[in-house]
N, C-alpha and C. Protein backbone atom coordinates (compact mmCIF):
# COMPACT_ATOMS: atom_id res chain seq x y z
N MET A 1 -16.48 54.73 70.73
CA MET A 1 -18.07 54.88 71.20
C MET A 1 -18.43 54.36 69.60
N SER A 2 -19.47 53.69 69.90
CA SER A 2 -20.25 52.81 68.70
C SER A 2 -21.05 54.14 68.42
N ASP A 3 -22.30 54.14 67.28
CA ASP A 3 -23.04 54.94 67.28
C ASP A 3 -24.36 54.70 67.82
N ASP A 4 -24.34 53.66 68.54
CA ASP A 4 -25.52 53.07 69.19
C ASP A 4 -25.17 53.51 71.12
N GLU A 5 -23.94 53.95 71.35
CA GLU A 5 -24.01 54.18 72.45
C GLU A 5 -24.09 55.48 72.75
N ILE A 6 -24.82 56.33 74.01
CA ILE A 6 -25.01 56.92 74.32
C ILE A 6 -23.82 58.38 75.10
N GLU A 7 -23.86 59.43 74.59
CA GLU A 7 -22.50 60.15 75.30
C GLU A 7 -23.15 61.05 76.19
N ALA A 8 -22.57 61.37 77.33
CA ALA A 8 -23.01 62.15 78.43
C ALA A 8 -22.99 63.73 78.11
N THR A 9 -21.81 63.68 77.59
CA THR A 9 -21.71 65.56 77.17
C THR A 9 -21.58 65.27 75.53
N PRO A 10 -22.56 66.00 75.05
CA PRO A 10 -22.74 65.92 73.66
C PRO A 10 -21.60 67.12 73.00
N SER A 11 -21.28 66.84 72.00
CA SER A 11 -19.96 67.49 71.21
C SER A 11 -20.54 68.84 70.38
N PRO A 12 -20.09 70.06 70.04
CA PRO A 12 -20.81 70.82 69.45
C PRO A 12 -21.52 70.18 67.99
N ALA A 13 -20.34 69.68 67.57
CA ALA A 13 -21.20 68.87 65.76
C ALA A 13 -22.25 67.91 66.09
N ARG A 14 -22.27 67.20 67.02
CA ARG A 14 -23.57 66.50 67.48
C ARG A 14 -24.78 67.81 67.66
N ILE A 15 -24.39 68.61 68.35
CA ILE A 15 -25.92 69.55 68.80
C ILE A 15 -26.22 70.08 67.55
N ALA A 16 -25.15 70.59 66.81
CA ALA A 16 -25.43 71.20 65.46
C ALA A 16 -26.26 69.90 64.72
N LEU A 17 -25.78 69.16 64.74
CA LEU A 17 -26.81 68.28 63.59
C LEU A 17 -27.86 68.07 64.23
N GLY A 18 -28.29 67.73 65.36
CA GLY A 18 -29.36 67.43 65.62
C GLY A 18 -30.21 68.36 65.50
N GLY A 19 -29.72 69.43 65.78
CA GLY A 19 -30.45 70.66 65.57
C GLY A 19 -31.22 71.32 64.44
N ARG A 20 -30.05 70.91 63.35
CA ARG A 20 -30.35 71.00 61.85
C ARG A 20 -31.45 69.81 61.41
N LEU A 21 -31.36 68.66 62.11
CA LEU A 21 -32.18 67.42 61.87
C LEU A 21 -33.80 68.20 62.24
N GLN A 22 -33.98 68.74 63.40
CA GLN A 22 -35.06 69.09 64.03
C GLN A 22 -35.83 70.52 63.13
N GLU A 23 -34.56 71.11 62.90
CA GLU A 23 -35.40 72.29 61.95
C GLU A 23 -35.67 71.81 60.90
N ILE A 24 -35.11 71.27 60.12
CA ILE A 24 -35.37 70.48 58.34
C ILE A 24 -36.93 69.98 58.83
N ARG A 25 -37.19 69.16 59.65
CA ARG A 25 -38.25 68.10 60.13
C ARG A 25 -39.36 68.66 60.50
N LEU A 26 -39.42 69.72 60.99
CA LEU A 26 -40.08 70.58 61.73
C LEU A 26 -40.74 71.63 60.45
N ALA A 27 -39.89 71.96 59.77
CA ALA A 27 -40.18 72.89 58.14
C ALA A 27 -40.81 72.05 57.35
N ARG A 28 -40.80 70.91 57.19
CA ARG A 28 -41.24 69.39 56.43
C ARG A 28 -42.72 69.17 56.99
N GLY A 29 -43.30 69.31 58.32
CA GLY A 29 -44.24 69.10 59.16
C GLY A 29 -44.34 67.69 59.46
N MET A 30 -43.11 67.12 59.40
CA MET A 30 -43.08 65.91 60.03
C MET A 30 -42.91 65.12 61.63
N THR A 31 -43.04 64.28 61.89
CA THR A 31 -43.30 63.95 63.21
C THR A 31 -41.81 62.91 63.43
N GLN A 32 -41.46 62.83 64.34
CA GLN A 32 -40.17 62.22 64.92
C GLN A 32 -40.37 60.91 64.82
N THR A 33 -41.60 60.39 64.95
CA THR A 33 -42.00 59.27 64.40
C THR A 33 -42.34 58.50 62.85
N ALA A 34 -42.56 59.62 61.94
CA ALA A 34 -42.36 59.51 60.55
C ALA A 34 -40.85 59.41 60.40
N VAL A 35 -40.39 60.03 60.24
CA VAL A 35 -39.02 60.18 59.58
C VAL A 35 -38.43 59.24 60.25
N ALA A 36 -38.27 58.95 61.61
CA ALA A 36 -37.45 57.41 61.90
C ALA A 36 -38.00 56.53 61.06
N ARG A 37 -39.66 56.27 61.32
CA ARG A 37 -39.88 54.97 60.29
C ARG A 37 -39.49 54.87 59.12
N GLN A 38 -39.72 55.89 58.24
CA GLN A 38 -39.29 56.13 57.33
C GLN A 38 -37.63 55.53 56.80
N ALA A 39 -36.99 56.19 57.86
CA ALA A 39 -35.60 56.13 57.61
C ALA A 39 -34.93 54.59 58.28
N GLY A 40 -36.03 53.91 58.68
CA GLY A 40 -35.67 52.50 59.03
C GLY A 40 -35.01 52.22 60.38
N MET A 41 -35.12 53.41 61.20
CA MET A 41 -34.90 53.18 63.04
C MET A 41 -35.69 53.76 63.86
N SER A 42 -35.71 53.78 64.92
CA SER A 42 -36.38 53.60 65.90
C SER A 42 -36.57 54.87 66.34
N ARG A 43 -38.11 55.30 66.66
CA ARG A 43 -38.13 56.93 67.22
C ARG A 43 -37.26 57.37 68.06
N SER A 44 -37.14 56.25 69.56
CA SER A 44 -36.29 56.57 70.34
C SER A 44 -34.71 56.85 70.04
N PHE A 45 -34.47 56.03 68.83
CA PHE A 45 -33.17 56.54 68.77
C PHE A 45 -33.07 57.99 67.60
N TYR A 46 -34.00 58.06 66.90
CA TYR A 46 -34.10 59.55 66.35
C TYR A 46 -34.04 60.40 67.22
N ALA A 47 -35.09 60.60 68.07
CA ALA A 47 -35.13 61.24 69.30
C ALA A 47 -33.36 61.56 69.67
N GLN A 48 -32.84 60.55 70.29
CA GLN A 48 -31.53 60.65 71.08
C GLN A 48 -30.94 61.65 69.87
N VAL A 49 -30.47 61.40 68.76
CA VAL A 49 -30.13 61.97 67.73
C VAL A 49 -30.17 63.79 67.51
N GLU A 50 -31.64 63.82 67.47
CA GLU A 50 -32.06 65.26 67.52
C GLU A 50 -31.47 66.04 69.02
N HIS A 51 -31.46 65.34 69.96
CA HIS A 51 -31.27 65.83 71.24
C HIS A 51 -29.89 65.70 71.45
N ALA A 52 -28.74 65.24 70.53
CA ALA A 52 -27.10 65.15 70.58
C ALA A 52 -27.18 64.16 71.51
N HIS A 53 -27.63 62.52 71.59
CA HIS A 53 -27.32 62.36 72.49
C HIS A 53 -26.75 60.62 71.53
N GLN A 54 -26.76 60.92 70.37
CA GLN A 54 -26.53 59.65 69.58
C GLN A 54 -25.80 60.25 68.63
N ASN A 55 -24.81 58.93 67.84
CA ASN A 55 -23.95 59.56 66.76
C ASN A 55 -24.68 58.41 65.73
N LEU A 56 -24.68 59.45 64.28
CA LEU A 56 -25.16 58.63 63.43
C LEU A 56 -23.64 58.37 62.30
N THR A 57 -24.33 57.03 61.59
CA THR A 57 -23.37 56.61 60.93
C THR A 57 -23.80 57.59 59.49
N VAL A 58 -22.72 57.31 58.38
CA VAL A 58 -23.17 58.22 57.38
C VAL A 58 -24.08 57.33 56.24
N GLU A 59 -24.28 56.16 56.61
CA GLU A 59 -25.56 55.30 55.83
C GLU A 59 -26.99 55.72 56.40
N ARG A 60 -26.94 55.98 57.86
CA ARG A 60 -28.48 56.85 58.37
C ARG A 60 -28.20 58.17 58.13
N ALA A 61 -27.44 58.67 57.95
CA ALA A 61 -27.53 60.25 57.82
C ALA A 61 -28.15 60.23 56.24
N TYR A 62 -27.29 59.40 55.60
CA TYR A 62 -27.93 59.65 53.90
C TYR A 62 -29.21 59.04 53.91
N ALA A 63 -29.96 58.18 55.06
CA ALA A 63 -31.41 57.80 54.93
C ALA A 63 -32.08 58.90 55.66
N LEU A 64 -31.37 59.69 56.38
CA LEU A 64 -32.54 60.66 56.72
C LEU A 64 -32.78 62.01 55.74
N ALA A 65 -31.51 62.41 55.42
CA ALA A 65 -31.17 63.06 54.29
C ALA A 65 -32.32 62.76 53.30
N HIS A 66 -32.45 61.21 52.70
CA HIS A 66 -33.49 60.72 51.67
C HIS A 66 -34.81 61.56 52.15
N VAL A 67 -35.45 60.88 53.31
CA VAL A 67 -36.79 61.24 53.77
C VAL A 67 -37.21 62.58 54.14
N LEU A 68 -35.99 63.23 54.25
CA LEU A 68 -36.44 64.72 54.65
C LEU A 68 -36.57 65.72 53.05
N GLY A 69 -35.52 64.59 52.33
CA GLY A 69 -35.75 65.66 51.05
C GLY A 69 -34.83 66.24 50.86
N VAL A 70 -33.50 66.53 51.34
CA VAL A 70 -32.43 67.35 51.35
C VAL A 70 -31.27 66.77 50.63
N GLU A 71 -29.78 67.47 50.30
CA GLU A 71 -29.09 66.59 50.08
C GLU A 71 -28.31 66.61 51.13
N MET A 72 -27.03 65.61 51.25
CA MET A 72 -26.80 65.35 52.42
C MET A 72 -26.00 66.53 53.18
N ALA A 73 -25.38 67.61 52.21
CA ALA A 73 -24.70 68.66 52.71
C ALA A 73 -25.59 69.62 53.34
N GLU A 74 -26.91 69.73 53.16
CA GLU A 74 -28.04 70.39 53.93
C GLU A 74 -28.09 69.91 55.31
N LEU A 75 -27.82 68.82 56.05
CA LEU A 75 -27.65 68.34 56.90
C LEU A 75 -26.77 69.12 58.07
N PHE A 76 -25.44 69.51 57.25
CA PHE A 76 -24.43 70.05 57.74
C PHE A 76 -23.73 71.34 57.60
N THR A 77 -24.98 72.12 57.38
CA THR A 77 -24.90 73.56 57.50
C THR A 77 -25.00 73.95 59.02
N GLY A 78 -24.34 75.42 59.39
CA GLY A 78 -24.54 75.79 60.77
C GLY A 78 -24.04 75.26 61.49
N PHE A 79 -22.69 74.54 61.13
CA PHE A 79 -22.07 74.04 62.27
C PHE A 79 -20.90 74.78 62.59
N PRO A 80 -20.34 74.68 64.06
CA PRO A 80 -19.40 75.40 64.53
C PRO A 80 -17.96 75.47 63.47
N PRO A 81 -17.33 76.56 63.41
CA PRO A 81 -16.11 76.49 62.67
C PRO A 81 -14.93 75.39 63.40
N VAL A 82 -14.63 74.64 62.69
CA VAL A 82 -13.21 74.03 63.24
C VAL A 82 -11.93 74.40 63.52
N PRO A 83 -11.56 74.11 64.69
CA PRO A 83 -10.59 75.05 65.28
C PRO A 83 -8.88 74.94 64.52
N HIS A 84 -8.36 75.66 63.52
CA HIS A 84 -7.18 75.72 63.32
C HIS A 84 -7.37 74.99 61.63
N ALA A 85 -8.66 75.24 61.27
CA ALA A 85 -8.61 74.30 60.18
C ALA A 85 -7.58 75.04 58.85
N ARG A 86 -7.19 74.09 58.00
CA ARG A 86 -6.69 74.69 57.32
C ARG A 86 -7.11 74.04 55.61
N PRO A 87 -6.85 74.98 54.65
CA PRO A 87 -7.39 74.67 52.99
C PRO A 87 -6.35 73.57 52.99
N TYR A 88 -6.54 72.51 52.07
CA TYR A 88 -6.03 71.62 51.37
C TYR A 88 -5.40 71.81 50.07
């Protein structure tokens, strides 16, 4: 599935990322339109990301982090634990 395809059943990771983006955006007092425009994407696409119906590429996640004024790692806090994760 490409990053421009809509997935019917969002994954827990996509739900966590969308929620985190919305949380940061609202804390900054920004609209979806403002974030999307500054990140070089449509408001419709960005809204679908927040609602866990779209994937993001690393490049788009980086653009959103820049617009929101956070480090990339801040976008990925609050994710559900990875089952059977092992230290490397």
